[in-house]
Protein backbone atom coordinates (compact mmCIF):
# COMPACT_ATOMS: atom_id res chain seq x y z
CA UNK A 1 145.52 242.90 314.14
CA UNK A 2 145.42 240.38 311.31
CA UNK A 3 147.70 238.24 309.17
CA UNK A 4 148.36 239.86 305.80
CA UNK A 5 149.92 238.06 302.81
CA UNK A 6 153.55 239.11 302.52
CA UNK A 7 153.27 239.47 298.73
CA UNK A 8 150.38 241.94 299.07
CA UNK A 9 152.51 244.43 300.99
CA UNK A 10 154.61 247.04 299.22
CA UNK A 11 157.31 249.23 300.80
CA UNK A 12 156.67 252.84 301.68
CA UNK A 13 158.04 255.16 298.93
CA UNK A 14 158.71 257.76 301.63
CA UNK A 15 160.75 255.31 303.71
CA UNK A 16 163.51 257.49 305.19
CA UNK A 17 166.10 254.72 305.45
CA UNK A 18 168.33 254.84 302.38
CA UNK A 19 169.89 251.41 302.96
CA UNK A 20 169.33 248.31 305.06
CA UNK A 21 172.37 246.36 306.26
CA UNK A 22 172.30 242.99 304.48
CA UNK A 23 174.11 241.15 307.27
CA UNK A 24 171.78 242.48 309.96
CA UNK A 25 168.79 241.58 307.78
CA UNK A 26 170.00 237.97 307.43
CA UNK A 27 170.36 237.75 311.21
CA UNK A 28 166.84 239.08 311.68
CA UNK A 29 165.53 236.58 309.10
CA UNK A 30 167.14 233.74 311.06
CA UNK A 31 165.47 235.01 314.23
CA UNK A 32 162.12 235.24 312.42
CA UNK A 33 162.46 231.63 311.21
CA UNK A 34 163.00 230.46 314.77
CA UNK A 35 160.66 232.71 316.74
CA UNK A 36 158.29 234.22 314.17
CA UNK A 37 157.51 237.92 313.79
CA UNK A 38 157.07 239.07 317.38
CA UNK A 39 155.95 242.64 316.65
CA UNK A 40 153.33 243.36 313.97
CA UNK A 41 154.08 245.73 311.12
CA UNK A 42 151.88 248.75 310.48
CA UNK A 43 150.21 249.01 307.06
CA UNK A 44 147.42 250.97 305.41
CA UNK A 45 145.05 249.53 302.78
CA UNK A 46 144.92 250.76 299.20
CA UNK A 47 141.86 250.57 296.92
CA UNK A 48 143.60 247.99 294.70
CA UNK A 49 143.87 245.50 297.57
CA UNK A 50 147.56 246.16 298.22
CA UNK A 51 148.78 247.23 301.66
CA UNK A 52 151.36 250.00 301.93
CA UNK A 53 153.96 249.52 304.63
CA UNK A 54 154.13 252.35 307.17
CA UNK A 55 156.40 250.89 309.85
CA UNK A 56 158.37 247.66 310.12
CA UNK A 57 160.14 247.33 306.77
CA UNK A 58 162.99 245.26 308.23
CA UNK A 59 160.52 242.79 309.76
CA UNK A 60 158.64 242.53 306.45
CA UNK A 61 161.84 241.96 304.46
CA UNK A 62 163.05 239.41 307.00
CA UNK A 63 159.72 237.57 306.78
CA UNK A 64 160.08 237.42 302.98
CA UNK A 65 163.65 236.18 303.33
CA UNK A 66 162.42 233.51 305.75
CA UNK A 67 159.80 232.47 303.14
CA UNK A 68 156.83 233.38 305.32
CA UNK A 69 153.58 233.71 303.36
CA UNK A 70 151.85 235.99 305.89
CA UNK A 71 152.91 238.48 308.52
CA UNK A 72 151.02 239.90 311.53
CA UNK A 73 149.98 243.47 310.77
CA UNK A 74 147.99 246.33 312.19
CA UNK A 75 145.84 247.65 309.33
CA UNK A 76 144.97 251.32 309.80
CA UNK A 77 143.44 254.08 307.65
CA UNK A 78 146.22 256.66 307.90
CA UNK A 79 146.62 259.89 305.92
CA UNK A 80 149.84 260.71 304.06
CA UNK A 81 151.21 263.19 306.61
CA UNK A 82 150.65 260.85 309.55
CA UNK A 83 152.15 257.94 307.60
CA UNK A 84 155.32 259.93 306.93
CA UNK A 85 155.58 261.03 310.55
CA UNK A 86 155.17 257.48 311.87
CA UNK A 87 157.84 256.22 309.45
CA UNK A 88 160.22 258.95 310.59
CA UNK A 89 159.57 258.35 314.29
CA UNK A 90 160.16 254.61 313.89
CA UNK A 91 163.46 255.22 312.13
CA UNK A 92 164.62 257.85 314.62
CA UNK A 93 164.43 255.14 317.28
CA UNK A 94 166.87 252.91 315.40
CA UNK A 95 170.42 253.01 316.71
CA UNK A 96 171.85 252.25 313.25
CA UNK A 97 170.16 255.14 311.44
CA UNK A 98 173.17 257.04 310.13
CA UNK A 99 173.44 260.83 310.46
CA UNK A 100 173.35 261.09 306.66
CA UNK A 101 170.17 259.01 306.43
CA UNK A 102 168.62 261.18 309.13
CA UNK A 103 169.70 264.34 307.30
CA UNK A 104 168.29 263.07 304.00
CA UNK A 105 165.04 262.15 305.75
CA UNK A 106 164.62 265.73 307.00
CA UNK A 107 165.58 267.10 303.58
CA UNK A 108 162.83 265.07 301.90
CA UNK A 109 160.26 266.23 304.42
CA UNK A 110 161.40 269.83 304.01
CA UNK A 111 161.87 270.00 300.23
CA UNK A 112 159.61 267.28 298.82
CA UNK A 113 156.72 267.51 301.26
CA UNK A 114 156.79 271.17 302.31
CA UNK A 115 157.46 270.70 306.04
CA UNK A 116 158.98 273.85 307.53
CA UNK A 117 161.83 273.53 310.01
CA UNK A 118 159.46 274.65 312.77
CA UNK A 119 156.84 272.05 311.82
CA UNK A 120 159.46 269.29 311.68
CA UNK A 121 160.77 270.28 315.10
CA UNK A 122 157.28 270.35 316.62
CA UNK A 123 156.12 267.06 315.08
CA UNK A 124 159.28 265.11 315.90
CA UNK A 125 160.09 266.56 319.30
CA UNK A 126 163.45 267.89 318.08
CA UNK A 127 165.11 271.22 318.69
CA UNK A 128 164.80 273.66 315.77
CA UNK A 129 168.57 274.14 315.68
CA UNK A 130 169.08 270.38 315.48
CA UNK A 131 166.82 270.13 312.42
CA UNK A 132 168.54 273.10 310.76
CA UNK A 133 171.98 271.57 311.19
CA UNK A 134 170.87 268.18 309.88
CA UNK A 135 169.50 269.98 306.81
CA UNK A 136 172.89 271.65 306.40
CA UNK A 137 174.51 268.22 306.54
CA UNK A 138 172.19 266.99 303.79
CA UNK A 139 173.46 269.72 301.46
CA UNK A 140 177.08 269.70 302.66
CA UNK A 141 179.95 269.31 300.15
CA UNK A 142 180.78 265.70 299.16
CA UNK A 143 184.00 265.48 301.21
CA UNK A 144 182.11 266.40 304.39
CA UNK A 145 179.34 263.88 303.78
CA UNK A 146 181.95 261.23 302.96
CA UNK A 147 183.77 262.01 306.22
CA UNK A 148 180.58 261.56 308.26
CA UNK A 149 179.75 258.33 306.42
CA UNK A 150 183.18 256.92 307.29
CA UNK A 151 183.22 258.13 310.90
CA UNK A 152 180.01 258.94 312.72
CA UNK A 153 182.02 260.55 315.52
CA UNK A 154 183.03 263.45 313.26
CA UNK A 155 179.73 265.34 313.23
CA UNK A 156 181.18 268.18 315.27
CA UNK A 157 184.18 268.33 312.93
CA UNK A 158 181.79 268.41 309.96
CA UNK A 159 180.02 271.41 311.46
CA UNK A 160 183.33 273.26 311.66
CA UNK A 161 184.39 272.20 308.15
CA UNK A 162 181.24 273.74 306.69
CA UNK A 163 182.71 277.13 307.61
CA UNK A 164 185.62 276.63 305.19
CA UNK A 165 184.87 278.21 301.81
CA UNK A 166 188.04 277.12 299.98
CA UNK A 167 187.26 273.64 298.52
CA UNK A 168 190.92 272.53 298.47
CA UNK A 169 191.55 273.56 302.07
CA UNK A 170 188.27 271.98 303.17
CA UNK A 171 189.11 268.71 301.41
CA UNK A 172 192.62 268.63 302.92
CA UNK A 173 191.29 269.25 306.42
CA UNK A 174 188.56 266.62 305.98
CA UNK A 175 191.19 264.05 304.98
CA UNK A 176 193.24 264.88 308.08
CA UNK A 177 190.18 264.49 310.31
CA UNK A 178 189.39 261.13 308.67
CA UNK A 179 192.92 259.93 309.45
CA UNK A 180 192.56 261.02 313.08
CA UNK A 181 195.21 263.72 312.76
CA UNK A 182 193.11 266.63 314.02
CA UNK A 183 191.17 266.93 317.24
CA UNK A 184 188.23 269.30 317.15
CA UNK A 185 190.22 272.02 318.89
CA UNK A 186 193.13 271.67 316.46
CA UNK A 187 190.71 271.77 313.53
CA UNK A 188 189.25 275.03 314.82
CA UNK A 189 192.73 276.49 315.10
CA UNK A 190 193.56 275.50 311.52
CA UNK A 191 190.33 277.03 310.26
CA UNK A 192 190.89 280.25 312.20
CA UNK A 193 194.48 280.46 310.98
CA UNK A 194 196.04 280.04 314.41
CA UNK A 195 198.88 277.71 315.26
CA UNK A 196 199.69 276.41 318.71
CA UNK A 197 203.08 277.29 320.21
CA UNK A 198 205.47 274.82 321.79
CA UNK A 199 206.87 275.40 325.26
CA UNK A 200 209.94 277.03 323.68
CA UNK A 201 207.70 279.56 321.93
CA UNK A 202 208.26 278.16 318.44
CA UNK A 203 205.26 277.23 316.27
CA UNK A 204 204.36 273.55 316.11
CA UNK A 205 204.93 271.66 312.83
CA UNK A 206 202.40 272.26 310.09
CA UNK A 207 199.29 270.07 310.26
CA UNK A 208 200.43 268.03 307.26
CA UNK A 209 203.12 266.42 309.41
CA UNK A 210 201.29 266.23 312.70
CA UNK A 211 199.61 263.15 314.12
CA UNK A 212 197.38 263.22 317.19
CA UNK A 213 198.32 260.80 319.96
CA UNK A 214 195.34 258.62 321.00
CA UNK A 215 194.03 259.67 324.40
CA UNK A 216 195.98 262.92 324.34
CA UNK A 217 192.93 265.17 324.03
CA UNK A 218 192.95 267.98 326.57
CA UNK A 219 190.20 269.46 328.70
CA UNK A 220 190.06 272.23 326.10
CA UNK A 221 189.36 269.61 323.43
CA UNK A 222 186.55 268.20 325.55
CA UNK A 223 185.06 271.66 325.99
CA UNK A 224 185.31 272.23 322.25
CA UNK A 225 183.41 269.02 321.56
CA UNK A 226 180.70 269.98 324.07
CA UNK A 227 180.35 273.44 322.54
CA UNK A 228 180.16 272.05 319.02
CA UNK A 229 177.56 269.48 319.98
CA UNK A 230 175.51 272.23 321.62
CA UNK A 231 175.74 274.16 318.36
CA UNK A 232 174.62 271.09 316.41
CA UNK A 233 171.55 270.66 318.56
CA UNK A 234 170.87 274.36 318.95
CA UNK A 235 170.89 274.02 322.71
CA UNK A 236 172.85 275.28 325.67
CA UNK A 237 174.42 272.82 328.14
CA UNK A 238 171.79 270.71 329.86
CA UNK A 239 170.07 272.12 332.94
CA UNK A 240 169.34 269.98 335.98
CA UNK A 241 166.40 267.59 335.74
CA UNK A 242 164.70 269.67 338.42
CA UNK A 243 163.83 272.20 335.72
CA UNK A 244 160.34 273.51 336.53
CA UNK A 245 159.05 273.08 332.97
CA UNK A 246 160.10 269.42 332.86
CA UNK A 247 158.60 268.70 336.26
CA UNK A 248 155.31 270.32 335.18
CA UNK A 249 155.26 268.45 331.85
CA UNK A 250 155.92 265.14 333.60
CA UNK A 251 153.13 265.81 336.10
CA UNK A 252 150.63 266.77 333.38
CA UNK A 253 151.49 263.69 331.31
CA UNK A 254 151.11 261.38 334.29
CA UNK A 255 147.79 262.94 335.30
CA UNK A 256 146.41 262.77 331.74
CA UNK A 257 147.33 259.10 331.32
CA UNK A 258 145.89 258.18 334.71
CA UNK A 259 142.65 260.02 333.93
CA UNK A 260 142.33 258.32 330.53
CA UNK A 261 142.84 254.85 332.01
CA UNK A 262 140.28 255.57 334.74
CA UNK A 263 137.73 256.68 332.13
CA UNK A 264 138.29 253.62 329.94
CA UNK A 265 137.93 251.32 332.95
CA UNK A 266 134.46 252.71 333.69
CA UNK A 267 131.98 250.23 332.11
CA UNK A 268 129.26 252.82 331.50
CA UNK A 269 131.62 255.18 329.72
CA UNK A 270 133.32 252.49 327.65
CA UNK A 271 129.98 251.03 326.61
CA UNK A 272 128.75 254.43 325.46
CA UNK A 273 131.66 254.95 323.07
CA UNK A 274 130.65 254.17 319.49
CA UNK A 275 132.66 251.96 317.18
CA UNK A 276 133.99 254.83 315.07
CA UNK A 277 135.05 256.79 318.14
CA UNK A 278 136.78 253.71 319.55
CA UNK A 279 138.70 253.22 316.31
CA UNK A 280 139.71 256.88 316.16
CA UNK A 281 140.84 256.88 319.78
CA UNK A 282 142.82 253.68 319.20
CA UNK A 283 144.56 255.29 316.22
CA UNK A 284 145.35 258.41 318.20
CA UNK A 285 146.80 256.35 321.05
CA UNK A 286 148.88 254.33 318.57
CA UNK A 287 150.44 257.54 317.26
CA UNK A 288 150.82 258.90 320.80
CA UNK A 289 152.59 255.67 321.78
CA UNK A 290 155.06 256.09 318.93
CA UNK A 291 155.72 259.68 320.00
CA UNK A 292 156.30 258.56 323.57
CA UNK A 293 158.72 255.91 322.31
CA UNK A 294 160.49 258.63 320.36
CA UNK A 295 160.80 260.71 323.55
CA UNK A 296 162.22 257.66 325.35
CA UNK A 297 164.72 257.12 322.53
CA UNK A 298 165.82 260.76 322.76
CA UNK A 299 166.38 260.45 326.51
CA UNK A 300 168.24 257.16 326.19
CA UNK A 301 170.41 258.51 323.39
CA UNK A 302 171.24 261.48 325.58
CA UNK A 303 172.43 259.20 328.38
CA UNK A 304 174.49 256.99 326.07
CA UNK A 305 172.30 253.88 325.97
CA UNK A 306 171.09 252.24 322.74
CA UNK A 307 167.84 250.86 321.36
CA UNK A 308 166.81 247.63 319.62
CA UNK A 309 164.81 246.13 316.76
CA UNK A 310 162.80 247.86 314.06
């Protein structure tokens, strides 16, 4: 690690984040003024003496805003593919990465850089169906993308709205969802042309005059949400943690890490490793660490907890 001049660092052109919240950045800059940059950024050197930012753009921008002249940085020789993957993994761990930013990030990797859906899923530890649906969101009609930008909790609704071919009907339904007038189950019924019946057997009022009562969602609504989210991720409902494959994977990971640490703690072995091999192993472990952090973020997101700084 070394201190690199802030003005010799340039942002990553493949940075997946489309926007950085100005208010949050000012808060981070205030923290940097008081405590300094606690976590180094990751950069790679260019032949012209400039360093390209791979991970840590918010920290770098906050340091500039705080008028720092240097910033702690890990300087690594990293190829283009690895640089893009690290940038994506870092951003996937951010709780404020919007679904649209995530979708656009996958679209760039798929269209601009030739990553297949399968390759994206393998590299990022995501389900193939999840990647496919995010790509669909990236190319969704404007009213659907606007809905998701206004309300992040409407992803499942967006998935259903993509089935509507009539632009006027789709726009009308999207507006109703945005106003909170349609639960997911009601939206499905509107799309499928069904109308619920009242107790007296008469059809309920048309959706244009109907307003959902907060907290009135039924068990059927909850099931609809769960089914839609499973469709979004391309998964079936979660199996118990005692799943044999997960237990085996956990065991193999633990054994591999323990074996590596034991080897590195052996003086004879460590002394026999050449400088180049040490550097390469350090780089590999840095990338492996980021992938492990991504796995942790996925697990925490699945249990409802949230992450921190980036």
